[in-house]
Amino acid sequence: MDEELRSLTHRLAEEAGEAGETAAYHRLVATEDDEELAQVLIERERPLWAREIAAFRLGCGGDRRAFETLVLLLNHRDPQRCAGAAHALARLGDPRTPRAAAALATNSLRTAYALYPVRLLGGLRAPESVPALMTTLRGLLGPDEPHWRVALACVEELGALGDVRARPLLEAALPHPRLGDAAGEALSRLPAP
């Protein structure tokens, strides 16, 4: 069992236990039947923890039926749900993933929840990644920006991607106290002008 799955199952065992659904939890964790897992995603009145287990397991296994649920979880208020969804989406291999992550990362109304879409975009290295990261960072360079962790993630991912289009934006991030060091590091990773 990989570490992300272990963390997810431990967290969701508590949720299922609090709801008195320990047997259903154990069944979802143990089943090898992808059809049973996929059914969980479409059945009415299934709890979120059950949908999360099913989507995570299907997504990590490359079953695209998990895509919509994983995207919803990627945009959740709970960072642990977002982390699990990002992990599964990175393994899913669905061509819609970069576009969905870019839409979530650039939605200015959901910036507080954009950290995991930003990290996912960096890891995907898709054509949508650099433009979306630049758009998100551009909106977060104000002096009193409360979402500086998202801005920092954008800077780090742009540095990792090494695309010269990001140079002016990374230079604009240099004077920001929380972003300056990372921006300098990111600029050092770009090809020389």
Protein backbone atom coordinates (compact mmCIF):
# COMPACT_ATOMS: atom_id res chain seq x y z
CA MET A 1 0.00 0.00 0.00
CA ASP A 2 1.51 3.35 -0.97
CA GLU A 3 1.83 6.14 1.59
CA GLU A 4 -0.93 8.30 0.11
CA LEU A 5 -3.41 5.40 0.19
CA ARG A 6 -2.38 4.53 3.75
CA SER A 7 -2.96 8.13 4.87
CA LEU A 8 -6.31 8.32 3.08
CA THR A 9 -7.61 5.03 4.47
CA HIS A 10 -6.54 5.92 8.00
CA ARG A 11 -8.31 9.31 7.82
CA LEU A 12 -11.46 7.91 6.24
CA ALA A 13 -11.66 4.98 8.68
CA GLU A 14 -12.30 7.58 11.37
CA GLU A 15 -15.01 9.30 9.30
CA ALA A 16 -16.74 6.01 8.52
CA GLY A 17 -16.47 4.88 12.14
CA GLU A 18 -18.05 8.09 13.41
CA ALA A 19 -20.95 7.46 11.00
CA GLY A 20 -21.30 3.85 12.19
CA GLU A 21 -20.31 2.51 8.76
CA THR A 22 -17.15 0.57 9.56
CA ALA A 23 -18.26 -2.56 7.67
CA ALA A 24 -18.98 -0.57 4.50
CA TYR A 25 -15.61 1.14 4.85
CA HIS A 26 -13.74 -2.18 5.12
CA ARG A 27 -15.59 -3.52 2.09
CA LEU A 28 -14.59 -0.54 -0.07
CA VAL A 29 -10.97 -0.72 1.04
CA ALA A 30 -10.75 -4.47 0.41
CA THR A 31 -12.71 -4.91 -2.83
CA GLU A 32 -10.84 -5.62 -6.04
CA ASP A 33 -14.00 -5.07 -8.11
CA ASP A 34 -13.71 -1.84 -10.09
CA GLU A 35 -17.39 -2.06 -11.01
CA GLU A 36 -18.33 -2.01 -7.33
CA LEU A 37 -16.12 1.05 -6.81
CA ALA A 38 -17.55 2.80 -9.87
CA GLN A 39 -21.09 2.13 -8.63
CA VAL A 40 -20.28 4.04 -5.43
CA LEU A 41 -19.59 7.14 -7.54
CA ILE A 42 -23.07 7.19 -9.08
CA GLU A 43 -25.29 5.87 -6.29
CA ARG A 44 -27.40 8.44 -4.52
CA GLU A 45 -26.83 9.28 -0.86
CA ARG A 46 -23.39 7.73 -0.63
CA PRO A 47 -21.28 9.55 1.97
CA LEU A 48 -18.32 11.63 0.85
CA TRP A 49 -15.81 9.30 2.50
CA ALA A 50 -17.09 6.38 0.39
CA ARG A 51 -16.93 8.38 -2.83
CA GLU A 52 -13.43 9.50 -1.95
CA ILE A 53 -12.17 5.96 -1.41
CA ALA A 54 -13.77 4.75 -4.65
CA ALA A 55 -12.50 7.68 -6.73
CA PHE A 56 -8.99 7.47 -5.28
CA ARG A 57 -8.68 3.74 -5.90
CA LEU A 58 -10.13 3.96 -9.41
CA GLY A 59 -8.05 7.01 -10.28
CA CYS A 60 -4.80 5.47 -9.12
CA GLY A 61 -5.70 2.43 -11.19
CA GLY A 62 -6.21 4.52 -14.33
CA ASP A 63 -10.01 4.19 -14.48
CA ARG A 64 -11.34 7.43 -15.99
CA ARG A 65 -14.75 7.01 -14.39
CA ALA A 66 -13.15 8.61 -11.32
CA PHE A 67 -12.30 11.87 -13.10
CA GLU A 68 -15.30 14.02 -12.19
CA THR A 69 -15.29 13.01 -8.53
CA LEU A 70 -11.55 13.58 -8.26
CA VAL A 71 -11.86 17.07 -9.77
CA LEU A 72 -14.58 17.92 -7.25
CA LEU A 73 -12.34 16.68 -4.43
CA LEU A 74 -9.39 18.67 -5.82
CA ASN A 75 -11.47 21.80 -5.22
CA HIS A 76 -12.59 20.84 -1.70
CA ARG A 77 -12.09 22.99 1.41
CA ASP A 78 -10.30 20.13 3.18
CA PRO A 79 -6.61 20.11 2.14
CA GLN A 80 -6.32 16.37 2.83
CA ARG A 81 -9.07 15.63 0.33
CA CYS A 82 -7.36 17.91 -2.19
CA ALA A 83 -4.02 16.17 -1.68
CA GLY A 84 -5.50 12.72 -2.24
CA ALA A 85 -7.37 13.88 -5.34
CA ALA A 86 -4.22 15.48 -6.80
CA HIS A 87 -2.29 12.27 -6.17
CA ALA A 88 -4.92 10.15 -7.94
CA LEU A 89 -5.38 12.62 -10.81
CA ALA A 90 -1.62 12.62 -11.46
CA ARG A 91 -1.80 8.84 -11.91
CA LEU A 92 -5.09 8.73 -13.77
CA GLY A 93 -3.68 9.83 -17.12
CA ASP A 94 -6.90 11.50 -18.24
CA PRO A 95 -6.24 14.15 -20.92
CA ARG A 96 -8.86 16.42 -19.29
CA THR A 97 -6.83 16.73 -16.09
CA PRO A 98 -4.55 19.67 -17.07
CA ARG A 99 -7.49 21.75 -18.30
CA ALA A 100 -9.48 21.04 -15.12
CA ALA A 101 -6.50 21.84 -12.87
CA ALA A 102 -5.86 25.06 -14.80
CA ALA A 103 -9.50 26.12 -14.42
CA LEU A 104 -9.38 25.51 -10.67
CA ALA A 105 -6.01 27.24 -10.22
CA THR A 106 -7.05 30.36 -12.11
CA ASN A 107 -10.50 30.77 -10.53
CA SER A 108 -10.03 33.94 -8.49
CA LEU A 109 -13.09 33.11 -6.39
CA ARG A 110 -11.45 29.86 -5.22
CA THR A 111 -7.86 31.03 -4.71
CA ALA A 112 -7.88 29.84 -1.10
CA TYR A 113 -8.23 26.27 -2.42
CA ALA A 114 -5.82 26.54 -5.37
CA LEU A 115 -2.67 25.11 -3.75
CA TYR A 116 -3.19 21.52 -4.90
CA PRO A 117 -4.33 22.41 -8.43
CA VAL A 118 -1.17 24.56 -8.71
CA ARG A 119 1.05 21.72 -7.52
CA LEU A 120 -0.72 19.29 -9.85
CA LEU A 121 -0.16 21.61 -12.82
CA GLY A 122 3.55 21.71 -12.09
CA GLY A 123 3.75 17.95 -11.89
CA LEU A 124 1.76 17.39 -15.07
CA ARG A 125 4.08 19.57 -17.19
CA ALA A 126 1.21 20.02 -19.66
CA PRO A 127 0.85 22.84 -22.21
CA GLU A 128 -1.72 24.44 -19.88
CA SER A 129 0.66 24.47 -16.91
CA VAL A 130 2.82 27.56 -17.45
CA PRO A 131 0.05 29.90 -18.68
CA ALA A 132 -2.24 28.89 -15.79
CA LEU A 133 0.51 29.23 -13.19
CA MET A 134 1.44 32.65 -14.56
CA THR A 135 -2.18 33.81 -14.52
CA THR A 136 -2.60 32.65 -10.92
CA LEU A 137 0.66 34.22 -9.75
CA ARG A 138 -0.09 37.51 -11.51
CA GLY A 139 -3.22 37.89 -9.40
CA LEU A 140 -1.33 37.20 -6.17
CA LEU A 141 1.49 39.74 -6.27
CA GLY A 142 -0.29 42.41 -4.21
CA PRO A 143 1.51 43.68 -1.09
CA ASP A 144 -0.95 42.26 1.45
CA GLU A 145 -1.91 39.08 -0.39
CA PRO A 146 -3.43 36.58 2.08
CA HIS A 147 -2.89 33.63 -0.27
CA TRP A 148 0.88 33.88 -0.35
CA ARG A 149 1.28 30.10 -0.02
CA VAL A 150 -0.49 29.67 -3.36
CA ALA A 151 1.74 32.39 -4.85
CA LEU A 152 4.81 30.61 -3.45
CA ALA A 153 3.68 27.33 -5.00
CA CYS A 154 3.26 29.09 -8.36
CA VAL A 155 6.78 30.49 -8.13
CA GLU A 156 8.26 27.10 -7.23
CA GLU A 157 6.38 25.25 -9.97
CA LEU A 158 7.31 27.86 -12.59
CA GLY A 159 10.95 27.43 -11.60
CA ALA A 160 10.66 23.66 -11.86
CA LEU A 161 9.07 23.96 -15.31
CA GLY A 162 11.88 26.26 -16.46
CA ASP A 163 9.88 28.15 -19.07
CA VAL A 164 11.38 31.52 -20.03
CA ARG A 165 7.91 33.06 -20.47
CA ALA A 166 7.77 33.20 -16.66
CA ARG A 167 10.88 35.38 -16.30
CA PRO A 168 9.14 38.82 -16.06
CA LEU A 169 6.64 37.53 -13.54
CA LEU A 170 9.31 35.83 -11.44
CA GLU A 171 11.33 39.06 -11.48
CA ALA A 172 8.22 40.91 -10.28
CA ALA A 173 8.03 38.44 -7.36
CA LEU A 174 11.61 39.13 -6.21
CA PRO A 175 10.79 42.10 -3.93
CA HIS A 176 8.04 40.24 -2.07
CA PRO A 177 9.34 39.13 1.35
CA ARG A 178 7.66 35.71 1.26
CA LEU A 179 8.37 35.04 -2.40
CA GLY A 180 11.77 36.62 -3.03
CA ASP A 181 14.04 33.68 -2.18
CA ALA A 182 11.92 31.21 -4.14
CA ALA A 183 11.70 33.63 -7.07
CA GLY A 184 15.49 33.97 -7.11
CA GLU A 185 15.84 30.19 -7.08
CA ALA A 186 13.24 29.84 -9.84
CA LEU A 187 15.00 32.44 -11.99
CA SER A 188 18.30 30.59 -11.57
CA ARG A 189 16.66 27.50 -13.08
CA LEU A 190 15.55 29.31 -16.25
CA PRO A 191 17.76 29.21 -19.33
CA ALA A 192 19.98 32.29 -19.66
CA PRO A 193 18.40 35.13 -21.66
